[in-house]
Amino acid sequence: MHTFRLPIESAEAPADPSLGPSLLRSWQTDGVFQLELDDVHANGTTRAIRAGRDFFALPDRVKRYFVSDLTYSGYVARGEHVPGAADSGVESFTVCPDLAYDDARVLAGWPGHGPVPWPYDAFRTRMLDFAAVAGKIAQRLLGLLEPVLAVASGSLTDLGRDGWHHLRVARTLRPADPDAAPAARIESSPGLLTIAVPHVAAHLHVFHQNSWQRVEAGARTWAVFPGEAMQFLTGGRVSATPYKVMGSAREQHVLAYHHGPRFCVRLQPLLGATGDDDRLHYATHLTNLFLREFPARAVSRRIIAERRLDVFRRALACNENL
């Protein structure tokens, strides 16, 4: 597994031309690469992890207040995922795009669109600061990968610009029985790429080439791996990488930033032959993923009850630029 220095964003210091090929090779051989951070980015990461830890320390009755029936943003209690699945011991807070009640998309009843139910200002600031930095770095990585994949300049970065990105901060709780750690929950990103940061190294694992491998990521080192949209766009040349956080005697805190394309875009492979059937409507793909993951959540029940998926079938309702 390879670790790279954070790309320098400067006209006077162009990126190393060998960096892009090395990043792609790492994804293809290991399913992941790591970015070594400077002090500024490492400190910002630490502040975000601490903000998540402070929030999760609140009483359960308080945390459960920060939910919404409009958006998947908000608190997710332990055991709230797919019914019948093994208890992963995970509670989390998801941050999707924060849209005001008077936003046209919210007023039109777009599924999963609405304000983030922030618990307090300091938490909001730390999460948005981390997401903004992660988004900029993700865009720079996509720009480095475009010439290596031999796709048109801007074909990946344009998709990621103003995309439907979301951040999940999670805590894996200590098991009540110290001899029985909770079952690790396996996840993958629906988007272009994921940046994952555990607060304790060695507990993040990725699945590649039929085996799980440990990733030595931490506050000073981000793990970066491709998502399902990247796999679709590259015709499988790059495969999405599933990941999980292993339980232990200590509670774990993890940040996972998912860099996605624009919500309404209709993706088609950038490599290989394409036809009319070779398209993926990202809004439908993402919404269905959330519906499967949280079938009992209030926002899921409202989407189904009010037939909010029908908005995607209305002419021009889901413009590709949104």
Protein backbone atom coordinates (compact mmCIF):
# COMPACT_ATOMS: atom_id res chain seq x y z
CA MET A 1 0.00 0.00 0.00
CA HIS A 2 1.39 3.36 -1.05
CA THR A 3 1.41 6.73 0.68
CA PHE A 4 1.70 9.99 -1.25
CA ARG A 5 2.32 13.57 -0.25
CA LEU A 6 -0.64 15.91 -0.52
CA PRO A 7 -0.52 17.49 -4.01
CA ILE A 8 0.65 21.10 -3.94
CA GLU A 9 -1.88 23.53 -5.41
CA SER A 10 0.33 26.15 -6.99
CA ALA A 11 0.95 27.42 -10.48
CA GLU A 12 4.63 27.77 -9.59
CA ALA A 13 4.86 24.16 -8.40
CA PRO A 14 3.11 21.85 -10.89
CA ALA A 15 2.27 18.34 -9.77
CA ASP A 16 4.79 15.58 -10.31
CA PRO A 17 3.81 13.99 -13.69
CA SER A 18 4.39 10.53 -12.22
CA LEU A 19 1.84 11.11 -9.45
CA GLY A 20 -1.30 10.45 -11.49
CA PRO A 21 -0.10 7.08 -12.85
CA SER A 22 1.02 6.09 -9.35
CA LEU A 23 -2.37 6.92 -7.86
CA LEU A 24 -4.20 4.87 -10.49
CA ARG A 25 -1.79 1.96 -10.12
CA SER A 26 -2.37 1.94 -6.35
CA TRP A 27 -6.14 1.81 -6.84
CA GLN A 28 -5.80 -1.05 -9.29
CA THR A 29 -3.34 -3.08 -7.23
CA ASP A 30 -4.43 -2.27 -3.66
CA GLY A 31 -7.89 -0.71 -3.98
CA VAL A 32 -6.69 2.28 -1.94
CA PHE A 33 -3.91 4.80 -1.52
CA GLN A 34 -3.02 7.10 1.35
CA LEU A 35 -2.33 10.82 1.48
CA GLU A 36 0.15 12.21 3.96
CA LEU A 37 -1.10 15.50 5.39
CA ASP A 38 0.68 18.64 6.42
CA ASP A 39 0.15 20.13 9.90
CA VAL A 40 -2.71 22.41 8.81
CA HIS A 41 -4.79 19.60 7.28
CA ALA A 42 -3.94 17.18 10.09
CA ASN A 43 -5.09 19.68 12.71
CA GLY A 44 -8.34 20.31 10.86
CA THR A 45 -8.94 16.56 10.70
CA THR A 46 -8.31 16.19 14.42
CA ARG A 47 -10.72 19.02 15.20
CA ALA A 48 -13.46 17.36 13.14
CA ILE A 49 -12.94 13.98 14.84
CA ARG A 50 -13.07 15.67 18.26
CA ALA A 51 -16.29 17.47 17.31
CA GLY A 52 -17.84 14.12 16.41
CA ARG A 53 -16.64 12.59 19.65
CA ASP A 54 -18.13 15.47 21.65
CA PHE A 55 -21.48 15.09 19.91
CA PHE A 56 -21.65 11.34 20.47
CA ALA A 57 -20.94 11.90 24.17
CA LEU A 58 -24.35 13.60 24.50
CA PRO A 59 -27.22 11.58 26.02
CA ASP A 60 -29.10 9.39 23.53
CA ARG A 61 -32.35 11.27 24.15
CA VAL A 62 -30.63 14.49 23.05
CA LYS A 63 -28.92 13.04 19.98
CA ARG A 64 -32.19 11.54 18.73
CA TYR A 65 -33.65 15.02 18.43
CA PHE A 66 -31.37 15.88 15.48
CA VAL A 67 -33.18 14.04 12.68
CA SER A 68 -35.33 15.09 9.73
CA ASP A 69 -38.12 13.70 7.57
CA LEU A 70 -36.84 15.69 4.57
CA THR A 71 -33.17 14.71 4.37
CA TYR A 72 -30.91 11.82 5.32
CA SER A 73 -28.75 14.32 7.16
CA GLY A 74 -28.75 13.92 10.92
CA TYR A 75 -28.22 11.43 13.68
CA VAL A 76 -28.41 7.68 13.06
CA ALA A 77 -28.77 5.61 16.22
CA ARG A 78 -27.19 2.22 16.75
CA GLY A 79 -29.21 -0.51 15.03
CA GLU A 80 -31.11 1.91 12.75
CA HIS A 81 -29.75 0.45 9.53
CA VAL A 82 -31.28 -2.42 7.58
CA PRO A 83 -33.57 -4.43 9.90
CA GLY A 84 -32.26 -7.90 10.66
CA ALA A 85 -28.65 -7.01 9.89
CA ALA A 86 -26.00 -7.87 12.46
CA ASP A 87 -25.46 -5.17 15.06
CA SER A 88 -22.37 -3.24 14.01
CA GLY A 89 -22.38 -1.14 17.17
CA VAL A 90 -22.24 2.02 15.03
CA GLU A 91 -23.96 5.34 15.56
CA SER A 92 -23.35 8.17 13.12
CA PHE A 93 -24.23 11.64 11.92
CA THR A 94 -24.63 12.23 8.19
CA VAL A 95 -24.12 15.61 6.52
CA CYS A 96 -25.71 15.94 3.07
CA PRO A 97 -25.95 19.27 1.20
CA ASP A 98 -27.57 21.79 3.54
CA LEU A 99 -30.58 23.27 1.71
CA ALA A 100 -32.92 25.86 3.22
CA TYR A 101 -36.66 25.25 3.51
CA ASP A 102 -37.29 27.85 0.80
CA ASP A 103 -34.88 26.23 -1.69
CA ALA A 104 -36.78 25.44 -4.90
CA ARG A 105 -35.82 21.76 -4.72
CA VAL A 106 -37.07 21.43 -1.15
CA LEU A 107 -40.34 23.18 -2.03
CA ALA A 108 -40.74 20.85 -5.03
CA GLY A 109 -40.46 17.80 -2.79
CA TRP A 110 -37.17 16.40 -4.09
CA PRO A 111 -36.32 13.25 -2.12
CA GLY A 112 -33.59 13.64 0.49
CA HIS A 113 -33.42 17.44 0.15
CA GLY A 114 -33.65 19.74 3.14
CA PRO A 115 -31.77 21.52 5.94
CA VAL A 116 -29.20 19.65 8.01
CA PRO A 117 -30.47 19.35 11.62
CA TRP A 118 -27.26 20.68 13.15
CA PRO A 119 -26.90 20.10 16.90
CA TYR A 120 -24.87 23.27 17.52
CA ASP A 121 -22.67 25.79 15.69
CA ALA A 122 -19.25 24.39 16.65
CA PHE A 123 -20.17 20.95 15.27
CA ARG A 124 -21.46 22.52 12.05
CA THR A 125 -18.29 24.58 11.60
CA ARG A 126 -15.91 21.64 12.13
CA MET A 127 -17.82 19.32 9.78
CA LEU A 128 -18.20 21.88 7.00
CA ASP A 129 -14.54 22.91 7.29
CA PHE A 130 -13.40 19.30 6.95
CA ALA A 131 -15.79 18.62 4.05
CA ALA A 132 -14.65 21.75 2.20
CA VAL A 133 -10.98 20.78 2.45
CA ALA A 134 -11.68 17.15 1.53
CA GLY A 135 -13.71 18.32 -1.48
CA LYS A 136 -10.89 20.50 -2.78
CA ILE A 137 -8.40 17.67 -2.44
CA ALA A 138 -10.80 15.24 -4.13
CA GLN A 139 -11.10 17.61 -7.09
CA ARG A 140 -7.31 17.83 -7.38
CA LEU A 141 -7.04 14.04 -7.31
CA LEU A 142 -9.65 13.71 -10.06
CA GLY A 143 -7.68 16.18 -12.15
CA LEU A 144 -4.54 14.10 -11.71
CA LEU A 145 -6.37 10.94 -12.75
CA GLU A 146 -8.00 12.30 -15.93
CA PRO A 147 -4.93 12.20 -18.22
CA VAL A 148 -3.90 8.78 -16.89
CA LEU A 149 -7.32 7.35 -17.66
CA ALA A 150 -7.13 9.02 -21.10
CA VAL A 151 -10.48 10.76 -20.65
CA ALA A 152 -11.24 14.31 -21.74
CA SER A 153 -9.86 17.07 -19.56
CA GLY A 154 -12.57 18.13 -17.11
CA SER A 155 -14.70 15.02 -17.59
CA LEU A 156 -14.25 13.94 -13.96
CA THR A 157 -13.66 17.31 -12.32
CA ASP A 158 -16.75 18.81 -13.97
CA LEU A 159 -18.86 15.99 -12.52
CA GLY A 160 -17.43 16.56 -9.06
CA ARG A 161 -17.77 20.34 -9.10
CA ASP A 162 -20.83 21.28 -7.00
CA GLY A 163 -21.59 17.58 -6.68
CA TRP A 164 -23.88 15.85 -4.19
CA HIS A 165 -21.18 15.17 -1.60
CA HIS A 166 -21.90 13.83 1.85
CA LEU A 167 -19.94 13.31 5.02
CA ARG A 168 -20.52 10.69 7.69
CA VAL A 169 -18.92 10.88 11.11
CA ALA A 170 -19.35 7.66 13.07
CA ARG A 171 -18.62 6.07 16.40
CA THR A 172 -18.28 2.32 16.89
CA LEU A 173 -19.26 1.61 20.47
CA ARG A 174 -17.45 -0.67 22.84
CA PRO A 175 -19.26 -4.02 23.11
CA ALA A 176 -21.12 -4.75 26.33
CA ASP A 177 -19.42 -8.15 26.31
CA PRO A 178 -15.65 -7.52 26.05
CA ASP A 179 -15.19 -10.94 24.45
CA ALA A 180 -17.66 -10.23 21.64
CA ALA A 181 -16.82 -7.24 19.45
CA PRO A 182 -19.71 -5.95 17.29
CA ALA A 183 -19.95 -7.14 13.71
CA ALA A 184 -18.15 -4.74 11.38
CA ARG A 185 -20.51 -2.99 8.95
CA ILE A 186 -19.34 -3.17 5.34
CA GLU A 187 -19.86 -0.03 3.26
CA SER A 188 -18.96 1.30 -0.16
CA SER A 189 -19.25 4.76 -1.64
CA PRO A 190 -21.91 5.49 -4.26
CA GLY A 191 -19.84 8.41 -5.56
CA LEU A 192 -16.56 9.08 -7.32
CA LEU A 193 -14.23 8.53 -4.37
CA THR A 194 -14.15 8.33 -0.59
CA ILE A 195 -11.74 9.86 1.90
CA ALA A 196 -11.80 7.93 5.18
CA VAL A 197 -10.04 8.85 8.40
CA PRO A 198 -10.16 6.67 11.54
CA HIS A 199 -8.95 8.26 14.77
CA VAL A 200 -7.06 5.05 15.63
CA ALA A 201 -4.90 3.49 12.94
CA ALA A 202 -5.19 -0.19 12.00
CA HIS A 203 -8.97 -0.45 12.44
CA LEU A 204 -9.90 0.57 8.88
CA HIS A 205 -9.95 -2.33 6.40
CA VAL A 206 -10.64 -2.35 2.65
CA PHE A 207 -11.69 -5.28 0.48
CA HIS A 208 -9.66 -5.84 -2.68
CA GLN A 209 -8.85 -8.90 -4.79
CA ASN A 210 -10.93 -11.21 -2.60
CA SER A 211 -9.36 -10.31 0.73
CA TRP A 212 -9.53 -7.70 3.48
CA GLN A 213 -6.44 -5.64 4.13
CA ARG A 214 -5.64 -3.25 6.94
CA VAL A 215 -5.12 0.43 6.18
CA GLU A 216 -2.75 2.35 8.46
CA ALA A 217 -4.68 5.60 8.19
CA GLY A 218 -5.08 8.19 10.92
CA ALA A 219 -5.41 11.92 11.56
CA ARG A 220 -2.21 12.62 9.58
CA THR A 221 -2.91 10.11 6.81
CA TRP A 222 -6.11 9.90 4.78
CA ALA A 223 -7.21 6.71 3.01
CA VAL A 224 -8.63 7.35 -0.47
CA PHE A 225 -10.51 4.74 -2.47
CA PRO A 226 -12.83 4.72 -5.51
CA GLY A 227 -16.62 4.55 -5.43
CA GLU A 228 -19.35 3.01 -7.53
CA ALA A 229 -19.70 6.01 -9.85
CA MET A 230 -15.97 5.83 -10.64
CA GLN A 231 -16.28 2.14 -11.44
CA PHE A 232 -19.22 2.85 -13.76
CA LEU A 233 -17.50 5.76 -15.51
CA THR A 234 -14.29 3.79 -16.14
CA GLY A 235 -16.08 0.70 -17.37
CA GLY A 236 -14.61 -1.33 -14.51
CA ARG A 237 -11.02 -0.27 -15.12
CA VAL A 238 -11.20 1.06 -11.57
CA SER A 239 -13.31 -0.99 -9.15
CA ALA A 240 -15.22 0.40 -6.18
CA THR A 241 -13.60 -0.56 -2.89
CA PRO A 242 -15.76 -1.76 0.05
CA TYR A 243 -14.51 -0.84 3.51
CA LYS A 244 -15.26 -1.50 7.17
CA VAL A 245 -14.09 -0.34 10.59
CA MET A 246 -13.18 -3.23 12.86
CA GLY A 247 -14.48 -3.24 16.40
CA SER A 248 -12.14 -3.43 19.35
CA ALA A 249 -12.02 -2.97 23.09
CA ARG A 250 -11.85 0.78 22.43
CA GLU A 251 -14.55 2.87 20.81
CA GLN A 252 -13.67 4.06 17.32
CA HIS A 253 -14.36 7.39 15.60
CA VAL A 254 -14.25 7.67 11.81
CA LEU A 255 -14.80 10.41 9.24
CA ALA A 256 -15.88 9.27 5.77
CA TYR A 257 -16.25 11.94 3.08
CA HIS A 258 -17.98 10.79 -0.12
CA HIS A 259 -17.25 12.93 -3.19
CA GLY A 260 -20.08 12.49 -5.65
CA PRO A 261 -21.21 13.85 -9.01
CA ARG A 262 -24.07 16.32 -9.40
CA PHE A 263 -27.33 14.92 -8.08
CA CYS A 264 -29.31 14.80 -11.32
CA VAL A 265 -26.55 13.89 -13.74
CA ARG A 266 -27.06 10.93 -16.05
CA LEU A 267 -23.71 9.19 -16.06
CA GLN A 268 -22.40 7.21 -18.98
CA PRO A 269 -19.08 5.37 -19.22
CA LEU A 270 -16.13 7.51 -20.28
CA LEU A 271 -14.22 4.45 -21.45
CA GLY A 272 -15.48 1.85 -23.91
CA ALA A 273 -18.50 1.71 -26.17
CA THR A 274 -21.73 3.23 -24.86
CA GLY A 275 -25.36 3.03 -25.85
CA ASP A 276 -28.66 4.47 -24.69
CA ASP A 277 -28.92 1.78 -21.99
CA ASP A 278 -25.43 2.50 -20.63
CA ARG A 279 -26.56 5.34 -18.40
CA LEU A 280 -26.88 5.72 -14.67
CA HIS A 281 -29.20 8.36 -13.23
CA TYR A 282 -27.25 9.28 -10.11
CA ALA A 283 -30.21 10.77 -8.23
CA THR A 284 -32.17 7.53 -8.54
CA HIS A 285 -29.13 5.40 -7.72
CA LEU A 286 -28.28 7.42 -4.59
CA THR A 287 -31.85 7.71 -3.33
CA ASN A 288 -32.47 3.98 -3.72
CA LEU A 289 -29.26 3.28 -1.83
CA PHE A 290 -30.44 5.39 1.12
CA LEU A 291 -33.89 3.79 1.00
CA ARG A 292 -32.35 0.32 1.25
CA GLU A 293 -29.99 1.39 4.01
CA PHE A 294 -32.61 3.18 6.13
CA PRO A 295 -36.02 1.72 5.26
CA ALA A 296 -37.60 2.65 8.60
CA ARG A 297 -36.21 6.19 8.83
CA ALA A 298 -38.79 9.02 8.77
CA VAL A 299 -37.41 10.50 5.55
CA SER A 300 -37.64 7.10 3.80
CA ARG A 301 -41.25 6.64 4.90
CA ARG A 302 -42.09 10.12 3.63
CA ILE A 303 -40.40 9.53 0.27
CA ILE A 304 -42.50 6.40 -0.23
CA ALA A 305 -45.75 7.80 1.17
CA GLU A 306 -45.59 10.98 -0.92
CA ARG A 307 -44.17 9.22 -4.01
CA ARG A 308 -41.26 11.65 -4.07
CA LEU A 309 -39.28 9.49 -6.51
CA ASP A 310 -41.81 10.59 -9.13
CA VAL A 311 -40.02 13.95 -9.29
CA PHE A 312 -37.36 12.26 -11.42
CA ARG A 313 -39.94 11.35 -14.06
CA ARG A 314 -41.20 14.88 -14.55
CA ALA A 315 -39.91 16.67 -17.63
CA LEU A 316 -36.99 18.96 -16.81
CA ALA A 317 -37.66 18.58 -13.04
CA CYS A 318 -34.25 17.03 -12.42
CA ASN A 319 -31.93 19.07 -14.62
CA GLU A 320 -28.48 17.51 -15.15
CA ASN A 321 -26.78 20.69 -13.93
CA LEU A 322 -28.31 20.32 -10.44
